Amino acid sequence: MASWLDYKLISKIANKYKVVLIGKNRYYKKSIKHPNLIILEHKDYSQLPYYLLQFNLTMISFKLTNMIKGGDPIKYYEYIYAGKSVVSTEIYEIKRKFNNITYFMNYYNCYQVIERAIKEDCFSKRLERIRAAKENTWSIRVKKHMRKLLNICSKLITIRGIRIVLLN
């Protein structure tokens, strides 16, 4: 976590809800002080799922910088793989692919969006999130792109009169 976190948004959310931040970050101590904000030191990656199980929902509160606008946060996939509701700022890649399973918030609507995410969470939504995560693993993504690439290559090669056979 770093400077791209929206600390103003996190502070506002902490006015109404308990917020837990995990990890080393020099910005925490400088930027945010709030009685509802719990800051835990860095945890080993293998321990994080145990913390994740305790949360009612998860949050991606990134400032919408050019870097973030062009990104696809891995953290999002970790959250949905655990079946967790995610409230997020409107990151393009998440909105484009997961508009139906993600709750999008900003500084003005964050309380309403969080309430809706908590209220609508259910077993079928959790399964839908997990399914979406499984369809977006690196190996699945590579296979999809390889198929597209092979399709393009086969058309190019066929144009030159050479026939290839694609086997799965």
N, C-alpha and C. Protein backbone atom coordinates (compact mmCIF):
# COMPACT_ATOMS: atom_id res chain seq x y z
N MET A 1 0.84 -1.18 0.00
CA MET A 1 0.00 0.00 0.00
C MET A 1 0.89 1.24 0.00
N ALA A 2 0.42 2.26 -0.70
CA ALA A 2 1.29 3.42 -0.83
C ALA A 2 0.47 4.67 -1.09
N SER A 3 1.10 5.61 -1.76
CA SER A 3 0.52 6.93 -1.95
C SER A 3 -0.75 6.92 -2.80
N TRP A 4 -1.03 5.85 -3.52
CA TRP A 4 -2.23 5.83 -4.35
C TRP A 4 -3.49 5.50 -3.55
N LEU A 5 -3.35 5.17 -2.28
CA LEU A 5 -4.54 4.98 -1.44
C LEU A 5 -5.22 6.32 -1.20
N ASP A 6 -6.53 6.31 -1.21
CA ASP A 6 -7.31 7.53 -0.97
C ASP A 6 -7.56 7.65 0.53
N TYR A 7 -6.64 8.29 1.22
CA TYR A 7 -6.73 8.41 2.68
C TYR A 7 -7.90 9.28 3.12
N LYS A 8 -8.28 10.23 2.30
CA LYS A 8 -9.44 11.07 2.61
C LYS A 8 -10.71 10.20 2.63
N LEU A 9 -10.84 9.33 1.66
CA LEU A 9 -11.98 8.41 1.60
C LEU A 9 -11.94 7.43 2.76
N ILE A 10 -10.78 6.88 3.06
CA ILE A 10 -10.65 5.94 4.18
C ILE A 10 -11.04 6.62 5.49
N SER A 11 -10.61 7.85 5.69
CA SER A 11 -10.96 8.60 6.90
C SER A 11 -12.46 8.82 7.00
N LYS A 12 -13.08 9.14 5.88
CA LYS A 12 -14.53 9.35 5.90
C LYS A 12 -15.24 8.05 6.28
N ILE A 13 -14.83 6.95 5.68
CA ILE A 13 -15.45 5.66 5.99
C ILE A 13 -15.25 5.31 7.46
N ALA A 14 -14.09 5.63 8.00
CA ALA A 14 -13.80 5.36 9.41
C ALA A 14 -14.67 6.19 10.35
N ASN A 15 -15.29 7.24 9.86
CA ASN A 15 -16.23 8.00 10.69
C ASN A 15 -17.44 7.17 11.08
N LYS A 16 -17.75 6.15 10.28
CA LYS A 16 -18.94 5.34 10.53
C LYS A 16 -18.64 3.87 10.77
N TYR A 17 -17.53 3.36 10.26
CA TYR A 17 -17.21 1.94 10.33
C TYR A 17 -15.80 1.73 10.86
N LYS A 18 -15.56 0.55 11.39
CA LYS A 18 -14.19 0.16 11.74
C LYS A 18 -13.48 -0.21 10.44
N VAL A 19 -12.28 0.28 10.28
CA VAL A 19 -11.48 0.01 9.09
C VAL A 19 -10.15 -0.59 9.55
N VAL A 20 -9.75 -1.68 8.91
CA VAL A 20 -8.49 -2.33 9.24
C VAL A 20 -7.55 -2.20 8.04
N LEU A 21 -6.36 -1.69 8.29
CA LEU A 21 -5.31 -1.62 7.27
C LEU A 21 -4.17 -2.51 7.74
N ILE A 22 -3.69 -3.34 6.83
CA ILE A 22 -2.61 -4.27 7.18
C ILE A 22 -1.40 -3.98 6.31
N GLY A 23 -0.25 -3.86 6.95
CA GLY A 23 0.98 -3.73 6.19
C GLY A 23 1.84 -2.56 6.62
N LYS A 24 3.08 -2.61 6.20
CA LYS A 24 4.01 -1.51 6.47
C LYS A 24 3.63 -0.35 5.57
N ASN A 25 3.54 0.80 6.17
CA ASN A 25 3.27 1.97 5.37
C ASN A 25 3.60 3.23 6.15
N ARG A 26 4.54 3.96 5.66
CA ARG A 26 4.92 5.19 6.35
C ARG A 26 3.81 6.23 6.28
N TYR A 27 2.88 6.08 5.33
CA TYR A 27 1.81 7.06 5.18
C TYR A 27 0.76 6.94 6.29
N TYR A 28 0.55 5.74 6.81
CA TYR A 28 -0.46 5.56 7.85
C TYR A 28 -0.26 6.52 9.00
N LYS A 29 0.93 6.52 9.52
CA LYS A 29 1.19 7.32 10.72
C LYS A 29 1.14 8.81 10.42
N LYS A 30 1.46 9.18 9.20
CA LYS A 30 1.47 10.59 8.84
C LYS A 30 0.08 11.08 8.39
N SER A 31 -0.63 10.26 7.65
CA SER A 31 -1.84 10.72 6.97
C SER A 31 -3.13 10.44 7.71
N ILE A 32 -3.19 9.39 8.48
CA ILE A 32 -4.47 8.97 9.05
C ILE A 32 -4.34 8.71 10.54
N LYS A 33 -5.18 9.35 11.27
CA LYS A 33 -5.34 9.06 12.69
C LYS A 33 -6.84 9.09 12.94
N HIS A 34 -7.39 7.99 13.40
CA HIS A 34 -8.84 7.91 13.63
C HIS A 34 -9.11 6.81 14.64
N PRO A 35 -10.06 7.02 15.57
CA PRO A 35 -10.33 5.98 16.57
C PRO A 35 -10.91 4.69 15.97
N ASN A 36 -11.55 4.76 14.80
CA ASN A 36 -12.11 3.56 14.16
C ASN A 36 -11.14 2.90 13.19
N LEU A 37 -9.94 3.40 13.12
CA LEU A 37 -8.95 2.86 12.20
C LEU A 37 -7.97 1.98 12.97
N ILE A 38 -7.90 0.72 12.55
CA ILE A 38 -6.98 -0.23 13.17
C ILE A 38 -5.86 -0.49 12.17
N ILE A 39 -4.65 -0.22 12.59
CA ILE A 39 -3.50 -0.40 11.71
C ILE A 39 -2.66 -1.55 12.25
N LEU A 40 -2.57 -2.61 11.46
CA LEU A 40 -1.77 -3.77 11.85
C LEU A 40 -0.46 -3.76 11.07
N GLU A 41 0.58 -4.18 11.72
CA GLU A 41 1.89 -4.26 11.06
C GLU A 41 1.85 -5.28 9.93
N HIS A 42 2.87 -5.28 9.14
CA HIS A 42 3.01 -6.23 8.04
C HIS A 42 2.80 -7.66 8.53
N LYS A 43 2.04 -8.44 7.77
CA LYS A 43 1.80 -9.85 8.08
C LYS A 43 2.35 -10.69 6.94
N ASP A 44 2.79 -11.88 7.28
CA ASP A 44 3.24 -12.82 6.25
C ASP A 44 2.06 -13.11 5.33
N TYR A 45 2.35 -13.20 4.04
CA TYR A 45 1.30 -13.41 3.05
C TYR A 45 0.43 -14.62 3.37
N SER A 46 1.02 -15.67 3.93
CA SER A 46 0.27 -16.89 4.27
C SER A 46 -0.74 -16.65 5.39
N GLN A 47 -0.57 -15.60 6.19
CA GLN A 47 -1.50 -15.30 7.28
C GLN A 47 -2.70 -14.47 6.84
N LEU A 48 -2.59 -13.80 5.72
CA LEU A 48 -3.64 -12.87 5.30
C LEU A 48 -5.01 -13.50 5.12
N PRO A 49 -5.14 -14.73 4.61
CA PRO A 49 -6.48 -15.31 4.49
C PRO A 49 -7.22 -15.41 5.83
N TYR A 50 -6.50 -15.62 6.91
CA TYR A 50 -7.14 -15.71 8.23
C TYR A 50 -7.71 -14.36 8.65
N TYR A 51 -7.04 -13.30 8.30
CA TYR A 51 -7.57 -11.96 8.57
C TYR A 51 -8.76 -11.68 7.67
N LEU A 52 -8.63 -12.05 6.42
CA LEU A 52 -9.69 -11.81 5.44
C LEU A 52 -11.00 -12.45 5.86
N LEU A 53 -10.93 -13.62 6.45
CA LEU A 53 -12.14 -14.31 6.91
C LEU A 53 -12.92 -13.51 7.94
N GLN A 54 -12.27 -12.63 8.66
CA GLN A 54 -12.91 -11.86 9.72
C GLN A 54 -13.64 -10.62 9.22
N PHE A 55 -13.40 -10.22 7.98
CA PHE A 55 -13.95 -8.96 7.48
C PHE A 55 -15.35 -9.14 6.90
N ASN A 56 -16.22 -8.17 7.16
CA ASN A 56 -17.57 -8.17 6.57
C ASN A 56 -17.52 -7.88 5.08
N LEU A 57 -16.63 -7.00 4.71
CA LEU A 57 -16.43 -6.71 3.29
C LEU A 57 -15.02 -6.18 3.11
N THR A 58 -14.62 -6.08 1.87
CA THR A 58 -13.27 -5.62 1.57
C THR A 58 -13.36 -4.33 0.75
N MET A 59 -12.26 -3.61 0.72
CA MET A 59 -12.30 -2.29 0.10
C MET A 59 -11.03 -2.04 -0.70
N ILE A 60 -11.23 -1.48 -1.88
CA ILE A 60 -10.12 -0.98 -2.68
C ILE A 60 -10.37 0.51 -2.85
N SER A 61 -9.66 1.29 -2.08
CA SER A 61 -9.89 2.74 -2.06
C SER A 61 -8.69 3.45 -2.68
N PHE A 62 -8.51 3.22 -3.97
CA PHE A 62 -7.39 3.82 -4.69
C PHE A 62 -7.80 5.16 -5.28
N LYS A 63 -6.90 6.12 -5.22
CA LYS A 63 -7.11 7.37 -5.96
C LYS A 63 -7.08 7.02 -7.44
N LEU A 64 -7.89 7.70 -8.22
CA LEU A 64 -7.97 7.38 -9.64
C LEU A 64 -6.91 8.15 -10.42
N THR A 65 -5.67 7.79 -10.19
CA THR A 65 -4.53 8.39 -10.90
C THR A 65 -4.39 7.70 -12.26
N ASN A 66 -3.56 8.24 -13.11
CA ASN A 66 -3.32 7.60 -14.42
C ASN A 66 -2.78 6.19 -14.24
N MET A 67 -1.91 6.00 -13.26
CA MET A 67 -1.35 4.66 -13.01
C MET A 67 -2.47 3.68 -12.64
N ILE A 68 -3.36 4.09 -11.77
CA ILE A 68 -4.46 3.23 -11.32
C ILE A 68 -5.46 3.02 -12.45
N LYS A 69 -5.75 4.06 -13.21
CA LYS A 69 -6.71 3.93 -14.32
C LYS A 69 -6.28 2.86 -15.31
N GLY A 70 -4.98 2.67 -15.46
CA GLY A 70 -4.48 1.66 -16.40
C GLY A 70 -4.18 0.33 -15.74
N GLY A 71 -4.52 0.18 -14.47
CA GLY A 71 -4.16 -1.03 -13.75
C GLY A 71 -5.31 -2.01 -13.55
N ASP A 72 -4.97 -3.14 -13.01
CA ASP A 72 -5.92 -4.21 -12.72
C ASP A 72 -5.44 -4.83 -11.40
N PRO A 73 -5.91 -4.31 -10.26
CA PRO A 73 -5.32 -4.69 -8.97
C PRO A 73 -5.48 -6.17 -8.61
N ILE A 74 -4.37 -6.82 -8.35
CA ILE A 74 -4.38 -8.23 -7.95
C ILE A 74 -5.16 -8.42 -6.66
N LYS A 75 -5.10 -7.44 -5.79
CA LYS A 75 -5.83 -7.50 -4.52
C LYS A 75 -7.32 -7.80 -4.75
N TYR A 76 -7.88 -7.22 -5.81
CA TYR A 76 -9.29 -7.45 -6.12
C TYR A 76 -9.58 -8.95 -6.30
N TYR A 77 -8.73 -9.62 -7.05
CA TYR A 77 -8.92 -11.05 -7.32
C TYR A 77 -8.77 -11.87 -6.05
N GLU A 78 -7.88 -11.46 -5.18
CA GLU A 78 -7.72 -12.15 -3.89
C GLU A 78 -8.99 -12.02 -3.07
N TYR A 79 -9.59 -10.85 -3.09
CA TYR A 79 -10.82 -10.63 -2.33
C TYR A 79 -11.98 -11.47 -2.88
N ILE A 80 -12.18 -11.44 -4.20
CA ILE A 80 -13.33 -12.18 -4.73
C ILE A 80 -13.09 -13.69 -4.69
N TYR A 81 -11.83 -14.12 -4.75
CA TYR A 81 -11.55 -15.55 -4.62
C TYR A 81 -11.97 -16.05 -3.24
N ALA A 82 -11.92 -15.17 -2.26
CA ALA A 82 -12.39 -15.51 -0.91
C ALA A 82 -13.90 -15.34 -0.78
N GLY A 83 -14.56 -14.90 -1.86
CA GLY A 83 -16.01 -14.72 -1.85
C GLY A 83 -16.46 -13.43 -1.21
N LYS A 84 -15.54 -12.55 -0.89
CA LYS A 84 -15.87 -11.33 -0.16
C LYS A 84 -16.51 -10.27 -1.05
N SER A 85 -17.45 -9.52 -0.47
CA SER A 85 -17.97 -8.32 -1.13
C SER A 85 -16.84 -7.32 -1.25
N VAL A 86 -16.81 -6.63 -2.37
CA VAL A 86 -15.78 -5.62 -2.58
C VAL A 86 -16.45 -4.29 -2.89
N VAL A 87 -16.07 -3.27 -2.12
CA VAL A 87 -16.42 -1.89 -2.48
C VAL A 87 -15.13 -1.27 -3.00
N SER A 88 -15.25 -0.58 -4.11
CA SER A 88 -14.05 -0.07 -4.78
C SER A 88 -14.32 1.29 -5.39
N THR A 89 -13.28 2.08 -5.50
CA THR A 89 -13.39 3.26 -6.33
C THR A 89 -13.51 2.75 -7.77
N GLU A 90 -13.93 3.62 -8.68
CA GLU A 90 -14.28 3.16 -10.03
C GLU A 90 -13.06 2.92 -10.91
N ILE A 91 -12.37 1.84 -10.62
CA ILE A 91 -11.20 1.44 -11.40
C ILE A 91 -11.71 0.79 -12.69
N TYR A 92 -11.25 1.31 -13.82
CA TYR A 92 -11.78 0.92 -15.12
C TYR A 92 -11.82 -0.59 -15.34
N GLU A 93 -10.70 -1.28 -15.12
CA GLU A 93 -10.64 -2.72 -15.40
C GLU A 93 -11.62 -3.50 -14.54
N ILE A 94 -11.78 -3.11 -13.30
CA ILE A 94 -12.74 -3.81 -12.43
C ILE A 94 -14.16 -3.53 -12.92
N LYS A 95 -14.45 -2.28 -13.20
CA LYS A 95 -15.80 -1.92 -13.65
C LYS A 95 -16.14 -2.58 -14.98
N ARG A 96 -15.17 -2.65 -15.88
CA ARG A 96 -15.40 -3.24 -17.20
C ARG A 96 -15.72 -4.73 -17.10
N LYS A 97 -15.02 -5.45 -16.21
CA LYS A 97 -15.16 -6.90 -16.15
C LYS A 97 -16.12 -7.39 -15.06
N PHE A 98 -16.28 -6.62 -14.00
CA PHE A 98 -17.00 -7.14 -12.82
C PHE A 98 -18.06 -6.19 -12.30
N ASN A 99 -18.69 -5.45 -13.17
CA ASN A 99 -19.70 -4.49 -12.77
C ASN A 99 -20.84 -5.13 -11.98
N ASN A 100 -21.14 -6.40 -12.28
CA ASN A 100 -22.27 -7.08 -11.65
C ASN A 100 -21.95 -7.64 -10.27
N ILE A 101 -20.69 -7.72 -9.87
CA ILE A 101 -20.37 -8.30 -8.56
C ILE A 101 -19.57 -7.35 -7.67
N THR A 102 -19.45 -6.10 -8.09
CA THR A 102 -18.65 -5.13 -7.35
C THR A 102 -19.50 -3.91 -7.04
N TYR A 103 -19.25 -3.30 -5.91
CA TYR A 103 -19.95 -2.09 -5.51
C TYR A 103 -18.98 -0.92 -5.67
N PHE A 104 -19.36 0.07 -6.47
CA PHE A 104 -18.47 1.18 -6.75
C PHE A 104 -18.86 2.40 -5.93
N MET A 105 -17.86 3.00 -5.30
CA MET A 105 -18.11 4.11 -4.39
C MET A 105 -17.21 5.29 -4.72
N ASN A 106 -17.62 6.41 -4.16
CA ASN A 106 -16.78 7.61 -4.18
C ASN A 106 -16.96 8.31 -2.84
N TYR A 107 -16.37 9.45 -2.69
CA TYR A 107 -16.40 10.16 -1.42
C TYR A 107 -17.84 10.50 -1.00
N TYR A 108 -18.72 10.71 -1.96
CA TYR A 108 -20.08 11.18 -1.66
C TYR A 108 -21.08 10.06 -1.40
N ASN A 109 -20.86 8.89 -1.96
CA ASN A 109 -21.85 7.82 -1.80
C ASN A 109 -21.33 6.62 -1.00
N CYS A 110 -20.17 6.74 -0.39
CA CYS A 110 -19.52 5.57 0.23
C CYS A 110 -20.37 4.90 1.31
N TYR A 111 -21.07 5.67 2.15
CA TYR A 111 -21.87 5.04 3.21
C TYR A 111 -23.00 4.20 2.62
N GLN A 112 -23.70 4.76 1.63
CA GLN A 112 -24.81 4.03 1.00
C GLN A 112 -24.32 2.77 0.30
N VAL A 113 -23.20 2.88 -0.38
CA VAL A 113 -22.65 1.74 -1.12
C VAL A 113 -22.22 0.64 -0.15
N ILE A 114 -21.59 1.00 0.93
CA ILE A 114 -21.16 0.01 1.93
C ILE A 114 -22.37 -0.68 2.54
N GLU A 115 -23.38 0.08 2.90
CA GLU A 115 -24.61 -0.51 3.47
C GLU A 115 -25.23 -1.50 2.49
N ARG A 116 -25.30 -1.11 1.21
CA ARG A 116 -25.87 -1.99 0.19
C ARG A 116 -25.05 -3.26 0.04
N ALA A 117 -23.73 -3.14 0.03
CA ALA A 117 -22.85 -4.31 -0.11
C ALA A 117 -23.05 -5.28 1.05
N ILE A 118 -23.17 -4.76 2.25
CA ILE A 118 -23.38 -5.61 3.43
C ILE A 118 -24.76 -6.26 3.36
N LYS A 119 -25.77 -5.48 3.02
CA LYS A 119 -27.15 -5.97 2.98
C LYS A 119 -27.36 -7.04 1.91
N GLU A 120 -26.74 -6.87 0.75
CA GLU A 120 -26.96 -7.78 -0.38
C GLU A 120 -26.06 -9.01 -0.36
N ASP A 121 -25.11 -9.07 0.55
CA ASP A 121 -24.20 -10.22 0.59
C ASP A 121 -24.97 -11.48 0.95
N CYS A 122 -24.77 -12.53 0.18
CA CYS A 122 -25.43 -13.81 0.44
C CYS A 122 -24.59 -14.93 -0.18
N PHE A 123 -24.97 -16.14 0.08
CA PHE A 123 -24.22 -17.30 -0.39
C PHE A 123 -24.09 -17.32 -1.91
N SER A 124 -25.18 -17.05 -2.63
CA SER A 124 -25.12 -17.10 -4.10
C SER A 124 -24.19 -16.02 -4.65
N LYS A 125 -24.17 -14.85 -4.04
CA LYS A 125 -23.24 -13.79 -4.48
C LYS A 125 -21.80 -14.19 -4.21
N ARG A 126 -21.57 -14.85 -3.08
CA ARG A 126 -20.21 -15.31 -2.76
C ARG A 126 -19.73 -16.32 -3.81
N LEU A 127 -20.62 -17.25 -4.15
CA LEU A 127 -20.26 -18.24 -5.18
C LEU A 127 -19.99 -17.57 -6.53
N GLU A 128 -20.77 -16.57 -6.85
CA GLU A 128 -20.57 -15.85 -8.12
C GLU A 128 -19.21 -15.15 -8.14
N ARG A 129 -18.82 -14.58 -7.00
CA ARG A 129 -17.51 -13.92 -6.91
C ARG A 129 -16.38 -14.94 -7.06
N ILE A 130 -16.51 -16.06 -6.38
CA ILE A 130 -15.48 -17.11 -6.46
C ILE A 130 -15.36 -17.63 -7.89
N ARG A 131 -16.51 -17.86 -8.54
CA ARG A 131 -16.50 -18.31 -9.94
C ARG A 131 -15.78 -17.30 -10.83
N ALA A 132 -16.07 -16.02 -10.63
CA ALA A 132 -15.42 -14.97 -11.43
C ALA A 132 -13.91 -14.97 -11.21
N ALA A 133 -13.50 -15.18 -9.97
CA ALA A 133 -12.06 -15.22 -9.67
C ALA A 133 -11.41 -16.42 -10.36
N LYS A 134 -12.07 -17.56 -10.32
CA LYS A 134 -11.50 -18.77 -10.94
C LYS A 134 -11.40 -18.63 -12.45
N GLU A 135 -12.28 -17.84 -13.05
CA GLU A 135 -12.24 -17.61 -14.49
C GLU A 135 -11.18 -16.59 -14.88
N ASN A 136 -10.54 -16.00 -13.88
CA ASN A 136 -9.55 -14.96 -14.16
C ASN A 136 -8.19 -15.24 -13.55
N THR A 137 -7.87 -16.53 -13.42
CA THR A 137 -6.52 -16.88 -12.95
C THR A 137 -5.54 -16.57 -14.08
N TRP A 138 -4.27 -16.51 -13.76
CA TRP A 138 -3.26 -16.25 -14.78
C TRP A 138 -3.28 -17.32 -15.86
N SER A 139 -3.43 -18.59 -15.47
CA SER A 139 -3.39 -19.66 -16.48
C SER A 139 -4.58 -19.55 -17.43
N ILE A 140 -5.76 -19.21 -16.91
CA ILE A 140 -6.94 -19.04 -17.77
C ILE A 140 -6.74 -17.84 -18.69
N ARG A 141 -6.23 -16.76 -18.16
CA ARG A 141 -5.99 -15.57 -18.99
C ARG A 141 -4.99 -15.87 -20.10
N VAL A 142 -3.92 -16.58 -19.77
CA VAL A 142 -2.91 -16.92 -20.78
C VAL A 142 -3.55 -17.78 -21.87
N LYS A 143 -4.36 -18.78 -21.48
CA LYS A 143 -5.01 -19.64 -22.47
C LYS A 143 -5.91 -18.83 -23.39
N LYS A 144 -6.69 -17.88 -22.84
CA LYS A 144 -7.57 -17.05 -23.66
C LYS A 144 -6.75 -16.24 -24.67
N HIS A 145 -5.68 -15.64 -24.19
CA HIS A 145 -4.85 -14.82 -25.09
C HIS A 145 -4.12 -15.69 -26.11
N MET A 146 -3.70 -16.87 -25.72
CA MET A 146 -3.04 -17.78 -26.67
C MET A 146 -4.02 -18.20 -27.76
N ARG A 147 -5.27 -18.49 -27.39
CA ARG A 147 -6.28 -18.85 -28.40
C ARG A 147 -6.47 -17.71 -29.39
N LYS A 148 -6.58 -16.48 -28.86
CA LYS A 148 -6.73 -15.32 -29.74
C LYS A 148 -5.52 -15.19 -30.67
N LEU A 149 -4.35 -15.33 -30.10
CA LEU A 149 -3.12 -15.21 -30.89
C LEU A 149 -3.04 -16.31 -31.95
N LEU A 150 -3.37 -17.55 -31.57
CA LEU A 150 -3.35 -18.65 -32.54
C LEU A 150 -4.39 -18.44 -33.62
N ASN A 151 -5.54 -17.89 -33.25
CA ASN A 151 -6.59 -17.61 -34.22
C ASN A 151 -6.10 -16.57 -35.23
N ILE A 152 -5.47 -15.53 -34.74
CA ILE A 152 -4.92 -14.50 -35.63
C ILE A 152 -3.83 -15.10 -36.52
N CYS A 153 -2.93 -15.87 -35.92
CA CYS A 153 -1.83 -16.48 -36.68
C CYS A 153 -2.36 -17.45 -37.73
N SER A 154 -3.37 -18.24 -37.36
CA SER A 154 -3.89 -19.21 -38.33
C SER A 154 -4.53 -18.51 -39.51
N LYS A 155 -5.19 -17.39 -39.27
CA LYS A 155 -5.76 -16.63 -40.37
C LYS A 155 -4.67 -16.04 -41.25
N LEU A 156 -3.63 -15.54 -40.63
CA LEU A 156 -2.52 -14.98 -41.40
C LEU A 156 -1.83 -16.05 -42.23
N ILE A 157 -1.61 -17.22 -41.65
CA ILE A 157 -0.93 -18.30 -42.35
C ILE A 157 -1.82 -18.86 -43.45
N THR A 158 -3.12 -18.97 -43.20
CA THR A 158 -4.05 -19.47 -44.21
C THR A 158 -4.08 -18.53 -45.41
N ILE A 159 -3.98 -17.27 -45.17
CA ILE A 159 -3.96 -16.30 -46.26
C ILE A 159 -2.79 -16.57 -47.20
N ARG A 160 -1.70 -17.06 -46.67
CA ARG A 160 -0.52 -17.35 -47.48
C ARG A 160 -0.58 -18.77 -48.06
N GLY A 161 -1.70 -19.44 -47.90
CA GLY A 161 -1.87 -20.75 -48.49
C GLY A 161 -1.37 -21.90 -47.65
N ILE A 162 -1.01 -21.65 -46.44
CA ILE A 162 -0.53 -22.71 -45.56
C ILE A 162 -1.64 -23.04 -44.57
N ARG A 163 -1.88 -24.32 -44.41
CA ARG A 163 -2.93 -24.74 -43.48
C ARG A 163 -2.28 -25.30 -42.22
N ILE A 164 -2.78 -24.87 -41.06
CA ILE A 164 -2.29 -25.42 -39.80
C ILE A 164 -3.46 -26.03 -39.04
N VAL A 165 -3.16 -26.97 -38.19
CA VAL A 165 -4.18 -27.61 -37.36
C VAL A 165 -3.91 -27.21 -35.92
N LEU A 166 -4.94 -26.69 -35.27
CA LEU A 166 -4.80 -26.29 -33.87
C LEU A 166 -5.38 -27.39 -32.99
N LEU A 167 -4.58 -27.91 -32.11
CA LEU A 167 -5.02 -28.94 -31.18
C LEU A 167 -5.06 -28.35 -29.78
N ASN A 168 -6.08 -28.70 -29.03
CA ASN A 168 -6.16 -28.24 -27.64
C ASN A 168 -5.43 -29.19 -26.74
